[in-house]
Amino acid sequence: MAALRICFPRIGMSVSTREPEPMRNALMHLGMTHMSAIARTEPGGYTGVGTATAHLTVRGNRVDLPEEKKGRCKATEQFEISDQRSPEQVVCAIRGAGLEPVWKDWDSGLDVV
C-alpha cells in the first residue's frame, strides 16, 4: 500500500469497516483518504427499501417467502462488519494518530443559487 501511495499520490484509497480496528488504525498512516464508520451492508440497509420484496434465492432461483414472513423480513448483510466503532470513535482514533479527520465538506461548493 505504501508503494501504491508513492507511485500514485493522488489516488483515493479507502478502508472499510470490513477490516478489524487494529488494521484500520495501522492503515491510517499509509495515506488512506476514506474511512467508513457504522456501515450497513444489507441491500436497503439505510432506507429499509426492499423489505416488502424480500425473497430467498435457492440455487439461483427466486423463491417467495411464506405469507407470514412477507413484509417483515430484512435482507441479510453482504459481509460481516469487523470494526463496530461509532463515527466519533473513529474520529478520536484518527486524531490520536496525529491526523486530521475531514468530513465530506464540499457539498456547499456545489450549491447553485
N, C-alpha and C. Protein backbone atom coordinates (compact mmCIF):
# COMPACT_ATOMS: atom_id res chain seq x y z
N MET A 1 0.82 -1.19 0.00
CA MET A 1 0.00 0.00 0.00
C MET A 1 0.86 1.25 0.00
N ALA A 2 1.96 1.20 0.72
CA ALA A 2 2.85 2.36 0.74
C ALA A 2 3.42 2.61 -0.66
N ALA A 3 3.77 1.53 -1.37
CA ALA A 3 4.30 1.68 -2.73
C ALA A 3 3.24 2.25 -3.67
N LEU A 4 2.01 1.81 -3.51
CA LEU A 4 0.92 2.34 -4.32
C LEU A 4 0.75 3.83 -4.06
N ARG A 5 0.81 4.23 -2.79
CA ARG A 5 0.68 5.64 -2.43
C ARG A 5 1.82 6.46 -3.02
N ILE A 6 3.04 5.92 -3.02
CA ILE A 6 4.20 6.62 -3.58
C ILE A 6 4.07 6.76 -5.10
N CYS A 7 3.66 5.69 -5.76
CA CYS A 7 3.54 5.70 -7.23
C CYS A 7 2.35 6.53 -7.72
N PHE A 8 1.28 6.53 -6.95
CA PHE A 8 0.06 7.23 -7.35
C PHE A 8 -0.39 8.12 -6.19
N PRO A 9 0.27 9.25 -5.97
CA PRO A 9 -0.01 10.07 -4.80
C PRO A 9 -1.40 10.69 -4.76
N ARG A 10 -2.08 10.80 -5.90
CA ARG A 10 -3.40 11.44 -5.92
C ARG A 10 -4.56 10.45 -5.90
N ILE A 11 -4.26 9.19 -5.95
CA ILE A 11 -5.33 8.19 -5.99
C ILE A 11 -6.03 8.11 -4.63
N GLY A 12 -7.35 7.96 -4.65
CA GLY A 12 -8.10 7.79 -3.41
C GLY A 12 -7.95 6.37 -2.91
N MET A 13 -7.77 6.23 -1.62
CA MET A 13 -7.64 4.90 -1.02
C MET A 13 -8.61 4.80 0.15
N SER A 14 -9.44 3.77 0.12
CA SER A 14 -10.47 3.59 1.14
C SER A 14 -10.20 2.34 1.95
N VAL A 15 -10.58 2.40 3.21
CA VAL A 15 -10.54 1.22 4.06
C VAL A 15 -11.92 1.12 4.71
N SER A 16 -12.53 -0.04 4.56
CA SER A 16 -13.92 -0.20 5.01
C SER A 16 -13.99 -0.81 6.41
N THR A 17 -15.21 -0.87 6.90
CA THR A 17 -15.44 -1.46 8.22
C THR A 17 -15.31 -2.98 8.19
N ARG A 18 -15.06 -3.55 7.02
CA ARG A 18 -14.80 -5.00 6.95
C ARG A 18 -13.51 -5.34 7.70
N GLU A 19 -12.58 -4.41 7.66
CA GLU A 19 -11.27 -4.65 8.28
C GLU A 19 -11.36 -4.45 9.79
N PRO A 20 -10.61 -5.22 10.55
CA PRO A 20 -10.63 -5.06 12.01
C PRO A 20 -9.99 -3.74 12.45
N GLU A 21 -10.40 -3.28 13.61
CA GLU A 21 -9.94 -2.00 14.15
C GLU A 21 -8.42 -1.84 14.15
N PRO A 22 -7.64 -2.82 14.63
CA PRO A 22 -6.18 -2.63 14.63
C PRO A 22 -5.61 -2.42 13.23
N MET A 23 -6.16 -3.14 12.25
CA MET A 23 -5.67 -2.98 10.87
C MET A 23 -6.03 -1.60 10.33
N ARG A 24 -7.25 -1.15 10.57
CA ARG A 24 -7.66 0.17 10.10
C ARG A 24 -6.80 1.26 10.73
N ASN A 25 -6.50 1.11 12.02
CA ASN A 25 -5.65 2.09 12.70
C ASN A 25 -4.26 2.12 12.07
N ALA A 26 -3.72 0.96 11.72
CA ALA A 26 -2.39 0.90 11.11
C ALA A 26 -2.39 1.48 9.70
N LEU A 27 -3.49 1.26 8.96
CA LEU A 27 -3.56 1.74 7.58
C LEU A 27 -3.69 3.26 7.48
N MET A 28 -4.14 3.90 8.55
CA MET A 28 -4.25 5.37 8.53
C MET A 28 -2.93 6.03 8.16
N HIS A 29 -1.84 5.44 8.60
CA HIS A 29 -0.53 6.03 8.40
C HIS A 29 0.02 5.80 6.99
N LEU A 30 -0.68 5.03 6.18
CA LEU A 30 -0.22 4.75 4.83
C LEU A 30 -0.94 5.58 3.78
N GLY A 31 -1.63 6.62 4.22
CA GLY A 31 -2.24 7.55 3.27
C GLY A 31 -3.66 7.23 2.85
N MET A 32 -4.43 6.60 3.72
CA MET A 32 -5.84 6.36 3.42
C MET A 32 -6.55 7.70 3.26
N THR A 33 -7.44 7.79 2.29
CA THR A 33 -8.17 9.03 2.09
C THR A 33 -9.63 8.92 2.54
N HIS A 34 -10.12 7.70 2.73
CA HIS A 34 -11.51 7.49 3.14
C HIS A 34 -11.58 6.35 4.15
N MET A 35 -12.33 6.58 5.22
CA MET A 35 -12.61 5.53 6.20
C MET A 35 -14.09 5.59 6.55
N SER A 36 -14.72 4.46 6.55
CA SER A 36 -16.13 4.41 6.89
C SER A 36 -16.32 4.13 8.37
N ALA A 37 -17.53 4.36 8.84
CA ALA A 37 -17.91 4.03 10.21
C ALA A 37 -19.40 3.71 10.21
N ILE A 38 -19.77 2.75 11.02
CA ILE A 38 -21.16 2.29 11.12
C ILE A 38 -21.78 2.05 9.73
N ALA A 39 -21.19 1.17 8.98
CA ALA A 39 -21.70 0.85 7.65
C ALA A 39 -22.83 -0.16 7.73
N ARG A 40 -23.75 -0.06 6.81
CA ARG A 40 -24.82 -1.05 6.65
C ARG A 40 -24.48 -1.83 5.39
N THR A 41 -24.55 -3.13 5.44
CA THR A 41 -24.13 -3.92 4.30
C THR A 41 -25.24 -4.72 3.64
N GLU A 42 -26.45 -4.63 4.19
CA GLU A 42 -27.55 -5.35 3.55
C GLU A 42 -28.22 -4.42 2.54
N PRO A 43 -28.73 -4.97 1.43
CA PRO A 43 -29.42 -4.15 0.45
C PRO A 43 -30.58 -3.38 1.12
N GLY A 44 -30.64 -2.08 0.92
CA GLY A 44 -31.67 -1.24 1.52
C GLY A 44 -31.43 -0.99 3.00
N GLY A 45 -30.24 -1.24 3.49
CA GLY A 45 -29.93 -1.14 4.90
C GLY A 45 -30.13 0.23 5.51
N TYR A 46 -29.91 1.27 4.76
CA TYR A 46 -30.08 2.63 5.29
C TYR A 46 -31.51 3.12 5.17
N THR A 47 -32.24 2.62 4.19
CA THR A 47 -33.58 3.14 3.92
C THR A 47 -34.69 2.16 4.24
N GLY A 48 -34.36 0.87 4.30
CA GLY A 48 -35.40 -0.14 4.52
C GLY A 48 -36.10 -0.54 3.24
N VAL A 49 -35.75 0.09 2.13
CA VAL A 49 -36.36 -0.25 0.85
C VAL A 49 -36.01 -1.70 0.52
N GLY A 50 -36.94 -2.42 0.04
CA GLY A 50 -36.71 -3.81 -0.31
C GLY A 50 -37.27 -4.79 0.70
N THR A 51 -37.66 -4.30 1.89
CA THR A 51 -38.23 -5.20 2.89
C THR A 51 -39.49 -5.86 2.37
N ALA A 52 -40.31 -5.09 1.67
CA ALA A 52 -41.57 -5.64 1.17
C ALA A 52 -41.36 -6.67 0.07
N THR A 53 -40.24 -6.62 -0.62
CA THR A 53 -40.00 -7.55 -1.72
C THR A 53 -38.88 -8.54 -1.40
N ALA A 54 -38.59 -8.72 -0.11
CA ALA A 54 -37.55 -9.67 0.27
C ALA A 54 -37.95 -11.07 -0.19
N HIS A 55 -36.95 -11.83 -0.61
CA HIS A 55 -37.19 -13.19 -1.07
C HIS A 55 -35.93 -14.02 -0.83
N LEU A 56 -36.05 -15.29 -1.01
CA LEU A 56 -34.90 -16.19 -0.91
C LEU A 56 -34.42 -16.51 -2.31
N THR A 57 -33.16 -16.87 -2.42
CA THR A 57 -32.62 -17.37 -3.68
C THR A 57 -32.09 -18.77 -3.41
N VAL A 58 -32.64 -19.73 -4.08
CA VAL A 58 -32.24 -21.12 -3.90
C VAL A 58 -31.71 -21.64 -5.23
N ARG A 59 -30.45 -21.99 -5.26
CA ARG A 59 -29.80 -22.49 -6.48
C ARG A 59 -30.03 -21.57 -7.66
N GLY A 60 -29.95 -20.27 -7.40
CA GLY A 60 -30.07 -19.27 -8.46
C GLY A 60 -31.49 -18.91 -8.83
N ASN A 61 -32.47 -19.49 -8.16
CA ASN A 61 -33.87 -19.21 -8.47
C ASN A 61 -34.53 -18.47 -7.31
N ARG A 62 -35.37 -17.50 -7.66
CA ARG A 62 -36.11 -16.74 -6.65
C ARG A 62 -37.21 -17.60 -6.05
N VAL A 63 -37.27 -17.60 -4.72
CA VAL A 63 -38.31 -18.33 -4.01
C VAL A 63 -39.01 -17.35 -3.09
N ASP A 64 -40.32 -17.17 -3.27
CA ASP A 64 -41.07 -16.23 -2.43
C ASP A 64 -41.10 -16.72 -0.99
N LEU A 65 -41.17 -15.77 -0.06
CA LEU A 65 -41.25 -16.08 1.35
C LEU A 65 -42.66 -16.54 1.70
N PRO A 66 -42.80 -17.30 2.79
CA PRO A 66 -44.15 -17.64 3.26
C PRO A 66 -44.92 -16.37 3.61
N GLU A 67 -46.24 -16.39 3.48
CA GLU A 67 -47.08 -15.22 3.71
C GLU A 67 -46.83 -14.57 5.07
N GLU A 68 -46.61 -15.36 6.13
CA GLU A 68 -46.44 -14.80 7.47
C GLU A 68 -45.12 -14.03 7.62
N LYS A 69 -44.18 -14.22 6.70
CA LYS A 69 -42.90 -13.51 6.77
C LYS A 69 -42.81 -12.33 5.81
N LYS A 70 -43.70 -12.24 4.85
CA LYS A 70 -43.64 -11.17 3.86
C LYS A 70 -43.79 -9.81 4.53
N GLY A 71 -42.97 -8.86 4.14
CA GLY A 71 -43.03 -7.51 4.66
C GLY A 71 -42.36 -7.34 6.02
N ARG A 72 -41.92 -8.42 6.64
CA ARG A 72 -41.28 -8.33 7.95
C ARG A 72 -39.83 -8.78 7.91
N CYS A 73 -39.41 -9.36 6.83
CA CYS A 73 -38.04 -9.86 6.73
C CYS A 73 -37.11 -8.77 6.22
N LYS A 74 -35.90 -8.83 6.66
CA LYS A 74 -34.88 -7.90 6.19
C LYS A 74 -33.87 -8.66 5.35
N ALA A 75 -33.25 -7.97 4.44
CA ALA A 75 -32.18 -8.58 3.65
C ALA A 75 -31.01 -8.91 4.57
N THR A 76 -30.28 -9.93 4.23
CA THR A 76 -29.11 -10.29 5.02
C THR A 76 -27.92 -9.46 4.59
N GLU A 77 -26.98 -9.29 5.50
CA GLU A 77 -25.80 -8.48 5.18
C GLU A 77 -24.95 -9.19 4.14
N GLN A 78 -24.28 -8.39 3.32
CA GLN A 78 -23.45 -8.93 2.26
C GLN A 78 -22.09 -9.36 2.77
N PHE A 79 -21.64 -8.75 3.85
CA PHE A 79 -20.40 -9.17 4.50
C PHE A 79 -20.45 -8.72 5.95
N GLU A 80 -19.62 -9.32 6.77
CA GLU A 80 -19.60 -9.01 8.18
C GLU A 80 -18.77 -7.76 8.44
N ILE A 81 -19.26 -6.90 9.33
CA ILE A 81 -18.53 -5.70 9.73
C ILE A 81 -17.64 -6.07 10.90
N SER A 82 -16.35 -5.77 10.77
CA SER A 82 -15.39 -6.08 11.84
C SER A 82 -15.21 -4.92 12.80
N ASP A 83 -15.19 -3.70 12.28
CA ASP A 83 -14.96 -2.52 13.11
C ASP A 83 -16.30 -1.88 13.43
N GLN A 84 -16.75 -2.03 14.66
CA GLN A 84 -18.06 -1.55 15.09
C GLN A 84 -18.03 -0.16 15.71
N ARG A 85 -16.92 0.56 15.59
CA ARG A 85 -16.80 1.86 16.24
C ARG A 85 -17.77 2.88 15.63
N SER A 86 -18.19 3.82 16.48
CA SER A 86 -19.04 4.91 16.02
C SER A 86 -18.18 5.92 15.25
N PRO A 87 -18.82 6.82 14.49
CA PRO A 87 -18.04 7.86 13.81
C PRO A 87 -17.18 8.67 14.79
N GLU A 88 -17.71 8.96 15.95
CA GLU A 88 -16.95 9.73 16.95
C GLU A 88 -15.71 8.97 17.40
N GLN A 89 -15.83 7.67 17.58
CA GLN A 89 -14.69 6.86 17.99
C GLN A 89 -13.64 6.78 16.88
N VAL A 90 -14.08 6.70 15.64
CA VAL A 90 -13.14 6.68 14.51
C VAL A 90 -12.41 8.02 14.43
N VAL A 91 -13.14 9.11 14.62
CA VAL A 91 -12.52 10.44 14.61
C VAL A 91 -11.47 10.54 15.71
N CYS A 92 -11.77 10.04 16.90
CA CYS A 92 -10.80 10.07 18.00
C CYS A 92 -9.55 9.28 17.64
N ALA A 93 -9.73 8.14 16.98
CA ALA A 93 -8.58 7.33 16.57
C ALA A 93 -7.74 8.07 15.53
N ILE A 94 -8.40 8.74 14.59
CA ILE A 94 -7.68 9.49 13.56
C ILE A 94 -6.90 10.62 14.20
N ARG A 95 -7.54 11.37 15.09
CA ARG A 95 -6.85 12.46 15.78
C ARG A 95 -5.72 11.92 16.66
N GLY A 96 -5.96 10.78 17.31
CA GLY A 96 -4.94 10.16 18.14
C GLY A 96 -3.72 9.73 17.34
N ALA A 97 -3.91 9.50 16.05
CA ALA A 97 -2.80 9.13 15.17
C ALA A 97 -2.07 10.36 14.64
N GLY A 98 -2.52 11.55 15.09
CA GLY A 98 -1.88 12.78 14.64
C GLY A 98 -2.36 13.25 13.28
N LEU A 99 -3.51 12.75 12.85
CA LEU A 99 -4.08 13.12 11.55
C LEU A 99 -5.33 13.96 11.77
N GLU A 100 -5.75 14.64 10.73
CA GLU A 100 -6.93 15.50 10.83
C GLU A 100 -8.08 14.89 10.05
N PRO A 101 -9.15 14.52 10.74
CA PRO A 101 -10.31 13.99 10.01
C PRO A 101 -11.02 15.11 9.27
N VAL A 102 -11.46 14.84 8.07
CA VAL A 102 -12.21 15.81 7.27
C VAL A 102 -13.50 15.13 6.86
N TRP A 103 -14.61 15.72 7.27
CA TRP A 103 -15.90 15.21 6.86
C TRP A 103 -16.17 15.67 5.45
N LYS A 104 -17.06 15.02 4.77
CA LYS A 104 -17.45 15.44 3.43
C LYS A 104 -17.90 16.89 3.52
N ASP A 105 -17.05 17.78 3.06
CA ASP A 105 -17.31 19.21 3.26
C ASP A 105 -17.40 20.00 1.96
N TRP A 106 -17.57 19.32 0.86
CA TRP A 106 -17.55 20.03 -0.42
C TRP A 106 -18.93 20.24 -1.01
N ASP A 107 -19.98 19.74 -0.40
CA ASP A 107 -21.33 19.91 -0.97
C ASP A 107 -21.74 21.37 -1.14
N SER A 108 -21.37 22.20 -0.14
CA SER A 108 -21.80 23.59 -0.23
C SER A 108 -21.19 24.29 -1.45
N GLY A 109 -20.06 23.81 -1.91
CA GLY A 109 -19.43 24.38 -3.10
C GLY A 109 -20.20 24.05 -4.37
N LEU A 110 -21.09 23.07 -4.31
CA LEU A 110 -21.87 22.68 -5.48
C LEU A 110 -23.24 23.35 -5.53
N ASP A 111 -23.62 24.01 -4.44
CA ASP A 111 -24.92 24.67 -4.40
C ASP A 111 -24.97 25.80 -5.42
N VAL A 112 -26.03 25.81 -6.18
CA VAL A 112 -26.22 26.85 -7.18
C VAL A 112 -27.34 27.76 -6.69
N VAL A 113 -27.06 29.03 -6.60
CA VAL A 113 -28.05 29.98 -6.10
C VAL A 113 -28.68 30.73 -7.25
